[in-house]
Amino acid sequence: MKTKIPLLLLCFLLFYYFDNLTGIFKGLERQNDVIGIVKIIFDPLKSSFFVFAFNAVLTYLLFYKLYPTKGTIITILVYLMIGLPIMIGMRFLIEEVILFGITGHHNYNMKNLTPKIYILDNIYFTLYFNMIAIVFFGVQYERFSKMSKQALELQVRNSELSFLKSQINPHFLFNNLNSIYTLVYHQSENALPAISKLSELLRYMLYQKEDLVLLSKEIGYLRNFIDLQLMRYDFTPQLKLNIQENIEDTIPIIPLSLIPFVENAFKHGDLRDETSPLCIDLAVKENWLYFKVTNKKNNMHKDETGGIGLENVKKRLELLMAGSFDLDIHESKEIFIVALKMKIHE
């Protein structure tokens, strides 16, 4: 947090004039000449103004230095026990000693120059005019604290997103390398095309740095992923892919937000049953993206290895689209359904 002394002095000037507004208006009503009006306007800017303005700056600097590290109680105690007496003494030195030696006039009449009256009177005035500095610092510090908190939250959010993205690559790579290894081991003609597809997918994953990408780009990635998965089967998988045609190329979407649901279906689904094929539906309606994956569960050959895909993408959606998506996961004995609804931000 940087000091803002010029802005403080401007606020103090406005406050000081506002405090003297009644006297200024009364004086202006009695004056008709320009010189008299100028004198009345500048009359508040006498020695007291500069003393109190300087005191306000000292008060501001005291709170600026102590409050962030020492807290409220210590800062106020230092101000009352050290700062306040110094400021009152400084006013006495300037107005009643230095200026008296120059002009021969006291700011206070001799009746009120007794230590008791002078100290009590200046405790009131010093506290009164120093409040503008304390309030100014309080507002500035509150805004700074709020911005710092937001910056910290953003940093934590970005760190968590980076961590989640770093989890995607090994998870994805582990699953697909196993499939490609099987193709190579059995000398399948799909081995080389599968390696090529995997290369394209990894290029997209590794070099995609933005928080949002075009939906058309994500769909292309989705199709490549499906093609790669289909290559590892020794039978014809039962699959229905329904992607709405003519989807606008300008629609943004979180990268890698659709794949985990499809990957989960291929990993745990039964794709042999013609009556219950793997269904993947994607459509855009009225600024909402609808994505649904339905698959029959493969209860006989369930993959017991833990996955992080679904939980991962859910956390990323919560971080990037809080309040702008709805994820519904329904599971029965035979069927697993994931329905994702996301708000499209133009």
Protein backbone atom coordinates (compact mmCIF):
# COMPACT_ATOMS: atom_id res chain seq x y z
CA MET A 1 0.00 0.00 0.00
CA LYS A 2 1.43 3.37 -1.07
CA THR A 3 1.04 6.61 0.82
CA LYS A 4 -1.38 9.14 -0.67
CA ILE A 5 -0.45 12.35 1.10
CA PRO A 6 -1.50 14.75 -1.73
CA LEU A 7 -4.98 13.23 -1.79
CA LEU A 8 -5.11 13.38 2.01
CA LEU A 9 -4.23 17.10 1.93
CA LEU A 10 -6.93 17.73 -0.66
CA CYS A 11 -9.49 15.95 1.53
CA PHE A 12 -8.26 17.88 4.55
CA LEU A 13 -8.57 21.20 2.67
CA LEU A 14 -12.16 20.42 1.70
CA PHE A 15 -12.99 19.33 5.24
CA TYR A 16 -11.34 22.43 6.73
CA TYR A 17 -13.24 24.77 4.41
CA PHE A 18 -16.48 22.92 5.06
CA ASP A 19 -15.87 23.39 8.79
CA ASN A 20 -15.44 27.15 8.20
CA LEU A 21 -18.26 27.45 5.68
CA THR A 22 -20.69 29.29 7.94
CA GLY A 23 -18.16 31.98 8.84
CA ILE A 24 -17.13 32.40 5.21
CA PHE A 25 -20.73 32.92 4.04
CA LYS A 26 -21.41 35.43 6.80
CA GLY A 27 -18.26 37.34 5.85
CA LEU A 28 -19.16 37.35 2.16
CA GLU A 29 -22.58 38.84 2.93
CA ARG A 30 -20.87 41.86 4.49
CA GLN A 31 -18.36 42.43 1.68
CA ASN A 32 -18.86 44.13 -1.65
CA ASP A 33 -15.30 44.72 -2.85
CA VAL A 34 -13.20 42.03 -4.56
CA ILE A 35 -10.25 42.43 -2.22
CA GLY A 36 -12.44 41.91 0.82
CA ILE A 37 -13.97 38.79 -0.72
CA VAL A 38 -10.52 37.36 -1.52
CA LYS A 39 -9.38 38.01 2.05
CA ILE A 40 -12.41 36.20 3.46
CA ILE A 41 -11.94 33.23 1.13
CA PHE A 42 -8.32 32.84 2.10
CA ASP A 43 -8.81 33.78 5.76
CA PRO A 44 -9.15 30.11 6.89
CA LEU A 45 -5.70 29.42 5.42
CA LYS A 46 -3.89 30.96 8.34
CA SER A 47 -1.23 29.38 10.55
CA SER A 48 -3.71 27.03 12.24
CA PHE A 49 -4.61 25.44 8.92
CA PHE A 50 -1.02 24.56 8.09
CA VAL A 51 -0.37 23.28 11.61
CA PHE A 52 -3.42 21.03 11.59
CA ALA A 53 -2.71 19.91 8.02
CA PHE A 54 0.83 18.98 9.04
CA ASN A 55 -0.53 17.19 12.11
CA ALA A 56 -2.96 15.27 9.89
CA VAL A 57 -0.07 14.10 7.73
CA LEU A 58 1.88 13.00 10.83
CA THR A 59 -1.17 11.13 12.12
CA TYR A 60 -1.65 9.44 8.76
CA LEU A 61 2.03 8.39 8.64
CA LEU A 62 1.87 7.09 12.21
CA PHE A 63 -1.11 4.87 11.41
CA TYR A 64 0.47 3.90 8.08
CA LYS A 65 3.63 2.67 9.80
CA LEU A 66 2.18 1.08 12.94
CA TYR A 67 -1.33 -0.18 12.21
CA PRO A 68 -0.49 -2.97 9.68
CA THR A 69 2.05 -4.58 12.05
CA LYS A 70 1.06 -3.48 15.57
CA GLY A 71 -2.72 -3.44 15.29
CA THR A 72 -5.40 -1.05 16.55
CA ILE A 73 -4.71 -0.87 20.29
CA ILE A 74 -0.96 -0.18 20.14
CA THR A 75 -1.38 2.32 17.30
CA ILE A 76 -4.03 4.31 19.18
CA LEU A 77 -1.99 4.22 22.42
CA VAL A 78 1.11 5.52 20.63
CA TYR A 79 -0.97 8.22 18.98
CA LEU A 80 -2.60 9.37 22.24
CA MET A 81 0.45 9.10 24.49
CA ILE A 82 3.19 10.26 22.09
CA GLY A 83 1.76 11.64 18.87
CA LEU A 84 -0.92 13.87 20.36
CA PRO A 85 1.38 15.64 22.89
CA ILE A 86 4.00 16.20 20.17
CA MET A 87 1.41 17.74 17.85
CA ILE A 88 0.03 20.04 20.56
CA GLY A 89 3.55 21.08 21.51
CA MET A 90 4.42 21.68 17.87
CA ARG A 91 1.42 23.99 17.45
CA PHE A 92 2.42 25.95 20.54
CA LEU A 93 5.99 26.24 19.26
CA ILE A 94 4.95 27.47 15.82
CA GLU A 95 2.11 29.82 16.73
CA GLU A 96 2.95 31.07 20.20
CA VAL A 97 6.74 31.17 19.99
CA ILE A 98 8.01 31.40 16.41
CA LEU A 99 5.18 33.43 14.88
CA PHE A 100 4.87 35.56 18.02
CA GLY A 101 8.54 36.42 17.66
CA ILE A 102 7.93 37.46 14.05
CA THR A 103 4.55 39.22 14.28
CA GLY A 104 4.32 40.10 17.94
CA HIS A 105 0.82 38.57 18.11
CA HIS A 106 -0.35 35.42 19.91
CA ASN A 107 -2.88 33.13 18.23
CA TYR A 108 -4.53 32.67 21.65
CA ASN A 109 -5.29 35.62 23.92
CA MET A 110 -3.28 35.70 27.13
CA LYS A 111 -6.28 34.62 29.19
CA ASN A 112 -6.40 31.26 27.38
CA LEU A 113 -2.65 30.73 27.19
CA THR A 114 -2.51 28.95 30.54
CA PRO A 115 -1.15 25.38 30.17
CA LYS A 116 -4.41 23.75 31.30
CA ILE A 117 -6.73 25.70 28.98
CA TYR A 118 -4.33 25.53 26.03
CA ILE A 119 -3.75 21.78 26.37
CA LEU A 120 -7.44 20.90 26.82
CA ASP A 121 -8.50 23.18 23.99
CA ASN A 122 -5.90 21.71 21.63
CA ILE A 123 -6.68 18.12 22.56
CA TYR A 124 -10.15 18.78 21.18
CA PHE A 125 -9.01 20.59 18.02
CA THR A 126 -6.16 18.20 17.27
CA LEU A 127 -8.37 15.14 17.66
CA TYR A 128 -11.12 16.83 15.64
CA PHE A 129 -8.93 17.65 12.64
CA ASN A 130 -6.85 14.48 12.90
CA MET A 131 -9.99 12.39 12.46
CA ILE A 132 -9.92 13.17 8.73
CA ALA A 133 -6.46 11.55 8.55
CA ILE A 134 -7.57 8.51 10.56
CA VAL A 135 -10.73 8.04 8.49
CA PHE A 136 -8.75 8.55 5.27
CA PHE A 137 -6.23 5.90 6.33
CA GLY A 138 -9.01 3.54 7.42
CA VAL A 139 -10.77 3.76 4.05
CA GLN A 140 -7.50 3.33 2.16
CA TYR A 141 -6.41 0.37 4.30
CA GLU A 142 -9.81 -1.31 3.98
CA ARG A 143 -9.67 -1.02 0.19
CA PHE A 144 -6.09 -2.26 0.18
CA SER A 145 -7.00 -5.23 2.39
CA LYS A 146 -9.95 -6.09 0.15
CA MET A 147 -7.80 -5.89 -3.00
CA SER A 148 -5.05 -7.94 -1.34
CA LYS A 149 -7.58 -10.58 -0.35
CA GLN A 150 -8.94 -10.70 -3.89
CA ALA A 151 -5.42 -10.94 -5.30
CA LEU A 152 -4.60 -13.75 -2.87
CA GLU A 153 -7.80 -15.59 -3.77
CA LEU A 154 -6.96 -15.18 -7.46
CA GLN A 155 -3.45 -16.48 -6.86
CA VAL A 156 -4.78 -19.49 -4.95
CA ARG A 157 -7.37 -20.08 -7.66
CA ASN A 158 -4.75 -19.94 -10.41
CA SER A 159 -2.44 -22.22 -8.44
CA GLU A 160 -5.24 -24.72 -7.93
CA LEU A 161 -6.17 -24.55 -11.60
CA SER A 162 -2.54 -25.15 -12.57
CA PHE A 163 -2.43 -28.10 -10.22
CA LEU A 164 -5.64 -29.54 -11.66
CA LYS A 165 -4.33 -29.10 -15.20
CA SER A 166 -1.09 -30.81 -14.25
CA GLN A 167 -3.16 -33.75 -13.02
CA ILE A 168 -5.02 -34.10 -16.31
CA ASN A 169 -2.00 -34.92 -18.45
CA PRO A 170 -0.58 -37.84 -16.43
CA HIS A 171 -4.06 -39.26 -15.85
CA PHE A 172 -4.95 -39.06 -19.52
CA LEU A 173 -1.54 -40.30 -20.66
CA PHE A 174 -1.58 -43.27 -18.26
CA ASN A 175 -4.96 -44.51 -19.49
CA ASN A 176 -4.23 -44.15 -23.19
CA LEU A 177 -0.68 -45.48 -23.16
CA ASN A 178 -2.09 -48.71 -21.71
CA SER A 179 -4.47 -48.93 -24.66
CA ILE A 180 -1.75 -48.18 -27.22
CA TYR A 181 0.59 -50.66 -25.55
CA THR A 182 -2.05 -53.36 -26.09
CA LEU A 183 -2.40 -52.39 -29.77
CA VAL A 184 1.37 -52.50 -30.28
CA TYR A 185 1.68 -55.79 -28.38
CA HIS A 186 -0.91 -57.43 -30.64
CA GLN A 187 0.62 -55.77 -33.71
CA SER A 188 -2.67 -54.11 -34.54
CA GLU A 189 -2.90 -52.00 -37.68
CA ASN A 190 -4.42 -49.31 -35.46
CA ALA A 191 -1.24 -48.91 -33.42
CA LEU A 192 0.40 -46.20 -35.54
CA PRO A 193 -2.83 -44.21 -36.13
CA ALA A 194 -3.47 -44.40 -32.37
CA ILE A 195 0.00 -43.00 -31.63
CA SER A 196 -0.65 -40.20 -34.14
CA LYS A 197 -4.00 -39.37 -32.52
CA LEU A 198 -2.41 -39.40 -29.07
CA SER A 199 0.27 -37.00 -30.30
CA GLU A 200 -2.37 -34.56 -31.53
CA LEU A 201 -4.27 -34.76 -28.26
CA LEU A 202 -1.17 -34.22 -26.13
CA ARG A 203 -0.18 -31.23 -28.26
CA TYR A 204 -3.56 -29.68 -27.51
CA MET A 205 -3.31 -30.44 -23.81
CA LEU A 206 0.27 -29.28 -23.33
CA TYR A 207 0.13 -26.04 -25.30
CA GLN A 208 -3.37 -24.93 -24.38
CA LYS A 209 -2.79 -22.20 -21.74
CA GLU A 210 -5.98 -20.10 -21.88
CA ASP A 211 -8.85 -20.49 -19.43
CA LEU A 212 -11.31 -20.61 -22.34
CA VAL A 213 -11.11 -21.97 -25.88
CA LEU A 214 -13.52 -22.05 -28.81
CA LEU A 215 -16.13 -24.79 -28.62
CA SER A 216 -15.24 -25.88 -32.16
CA LYS A 217 -11.68 -26.54 -31.00
CA GLU A 218 -12.89 -28.55 -28.03
CA ILE A 219 -15.21 -30.57 -30.29
CA GLY A 220 -12.29 -31.39 -32.56
CA TYR A 221 -10.37 -32.59 -29.53
CA LEU A 222 -13.39 -34.64 -28.45
CA ARG A 223 -13.66 -36.33 -31.84
CA ASN A 224 -9.93 -37.20 -31.85
CA PHE A 225 -10.29 -38.66 -28.39
CA ILE A 226 -13.24 -40.82 -29.43
CA ASP A 227 -11.37 -42.00 -32.54
CA LEU A 228 -8.43 -42.99 -30.34
CA GLN A 229 -10.66 -44.92 -27.96
CA LEU A 230 -12.44 -46.80 -30.74
CA MET A 231 -9.12 -48.11 -32.09
CA ARG A 232 -8.44 -50.25 -29.05
CA TYR A 233 -11.49 -52.53 -29.35
CA ASP A 234 -11.52 -55.88 -31.15
CA PHE A 235 -15.25 -55.50 -31.72
CA THR A 236 -17.51 -52.78 -33.05
CA PRO A 237 -18.37 -50.47 -30.14
CA GLN A 238 -21.97 -49.37 -29.88
CA LEU A 239 -21.77 -45.58 -30.01
CA LYS A 240 -24.14 -42.76 -30.89
CA LEU A 241 -22.49 -39.36 -31.25
CA ASN A 242 -24.98 -36.52 -31.60
CA ILE A 243 -23.28 -33.14 -31.97
CA GLN A 244 -25.40 -30.22 -33.08
CA GLU A 245 -24.43 -28.99 -36.52
CA ASN A 246 -23.47 -25.39 -37.34
CA ILE A 247 -22.44 -24.46 -33.81
CA GLU A 248 -20.94 -20.97 -33.78
CA ASP A 249 -17.16 -20.87 -33.77
CA THR A 250 -17.19 -17.96 -31.31
CA ILE A 251 -18.65 -19.89 -28.37
CA PRO A 252 -16.08 -20.14 -25.53
CA ILE A 253 -15.70 -23.16 -23.27
CA ILE A 254 -13.33 -24.38 -20.56
CA PRO A 255 -10.69 -26.55 -22.26
CA LEU A 256 -10.74 -30.26 -21.43
CA SER A 257 -14.09 -29.92 -19.67
CA LEU A 258 -15.96 -32.53 -21.74
CA ILE A 259 -13.34 -35.28 -22.15
CA PRO A 260 -13.38 -36.66 -18.56
CA PHE A 261 -17.06 -37.63 -18.87
CA VAL A 262 -16.47 -39.39 -22.18
CA GLU A 263 -13.29 -41.02 -20.89
CA ASN A 264 -15.20 -42.30 -17.87
CA ALA A 265 -17.84 -43.84 -20.16
CA PHE A 266 -15.23 -45.64 -22.28
CA LYS A 267 -13.37 -46.79 -19.20
CA HIS A 268 -16.32 -48.16 -17.21
CA GLY A 269 -18.98 -48.66 -19.88
CA ASP A 270 -20.25 -51.74 -21.70
CA LEU A 271 -20.11 -50.89 -25.41
CA ARG A 272 -21.22 -54.30 -26.71
CA ASP A 273 -24.94 -53.97 -26.08
CA GLU A 274 -26.75 -52.72 -29.18
CA THR A 275 -29.84 -51.90 -27.12
CA SER A 276 -27.86 -49.63 -24.74
CA PRO A 277 -25.16 -47.86 -26.75
CA LEU A 278 -22.86 -45.18 -25.43
CA CYS A 279 -24.69 -41.93 -26.23
CA ILE A 280 -22.89 -38.59 -26.39
CA ASP A 281 -25.11 -35.56 -27.00
CA LEU A 282 -23.97 -31.95 -27.38
CA ALA A 283 -26.16 -28.97 -28.23
CA VAL A 284 -26.39 -25.22 -27.69
CA LYS A 285 -29.70 -23.54 -26.88
CA GLU A 286 -30.31 -19.95 -25.77
CA ASN A 287 -26.84 -19.23 -24.37
CA TRP A 288 -26.61 -22.60 -22.67
CA LEU A 289 -24.49 -25.58 -23.64
CA TYR A 290 -26.00 -29.00 -22.96
CA PHE A 291 -23.72 -32.03 -22.81
CA LYS A 292 -24.93 -35.49 -21.89
CA VAL A 293 -23.17 -38.84 -21.73
CA THR A 294 -25.15 -42.04 -21.14
CA ASN A 295 -23.57 -45.46 -20.93
CA LYS A 296 -24.41 -48.96 -19.78
CA LYS A 297 -22.21 -49.97 -16.85
CA ASN A 298 -19.74 -52.79 -17.32
CA ASN A 299 -20.31 -54.54 -14.00
CA MET A 300 -18.49 -57.71 -15.06
CA HIS A 301 -15.15 -56.04 -15.84
CA LYS A 302 -15.14 -52.96 -13.71
CA ASP A 303 -11.88 -51.00 -13.76
CA GLU A 304 -10.82 -50.75 -10.14
CA THR A 305 -8.02 -48.24 -10.71
CA GLY A 306 -8.80 -44.89 -9.20
CA GLY A 307 -9.48 -41.95 -11.47
CA ILE A 308 -9.35 -38.22 -10.94
CA GLY A 309 -11.12 -37.12 -14.12
CA LEU A 310 -14.67 -36.43 -12.92
CA GLU A 311 -13.66 -34.88 -9.62
CA ASN A 312 -11.00 -32.86 -11.38
CA VAL A 313 -13.31 -31.32 -13.96
CA LYS A 314 -15.93 -30.61 -11.28
CA LYS A 315 -13.40 -28.58 -9.28
CA ARG A 316 -12.30 -26.69 -12.38
CA LEU A 317 -15.91 -25.85 -13.21
CA GLU A 318 -16.46 -24.59 -9.65
CA LEU A 319 -13.37 -22.38 -9.90
CA LEU A 320 -14.02 -20.96 -13.36
CA MET A 321 -17.81 -21.02 -13.64
CA ALA A 322 -19.21 -20.81 -10.13
CA GLY A 323 -22.97 -20.35 -10.38
CA SER A 324 -22.95 -20.73 -14.17
CA PHE A 325 -23.16 -24.47 -14.55
CA ASP A 326 -25.20 -27.42 -13.38
CA LEU A 327 -23.70 -30.90 -13.21
CA ASP A 328 -26.06 -33.80 -12.62
CA ILE A 329 -24.68 -37.33 -12.22
CA HIS A 330 -27.22 -40.14 -12.06
CA GLU A 331 -26.22 -43.73 -11.47
CA SER A 332 -28.39 -46.84 -11.34
CA LYS A 333 -27.51 -50.50 -11.25
CA GLU A 334 -27.25 -50.65 -15.04
CA ILE A 335 -26.90 -47.07 -16.35
CA PHE A 336 -24.56 -44.15 -15.68
CA ILE A 337 -25.66 -40.68 -16.86
CA VAL A 338 -23.79 -37.40 -16.74
CA ALA A 339 -25.66 -34.23 -17.72
CA LEU A 340 -23.73 -30.97 -17.85
CA LYS A 341 -25.35 -27.58 -18.45
CA MET A 342 -23.03 -24.58 -18.84
CA LYS A 343 -23.75 -20.90 -19.34
CA ILE A 344 -22.15 -19.50 -22.47
CA HIS A 345 -20.32 -16.24 -21.74
CA GLU A 346 -20.13 -14.03 -24.80
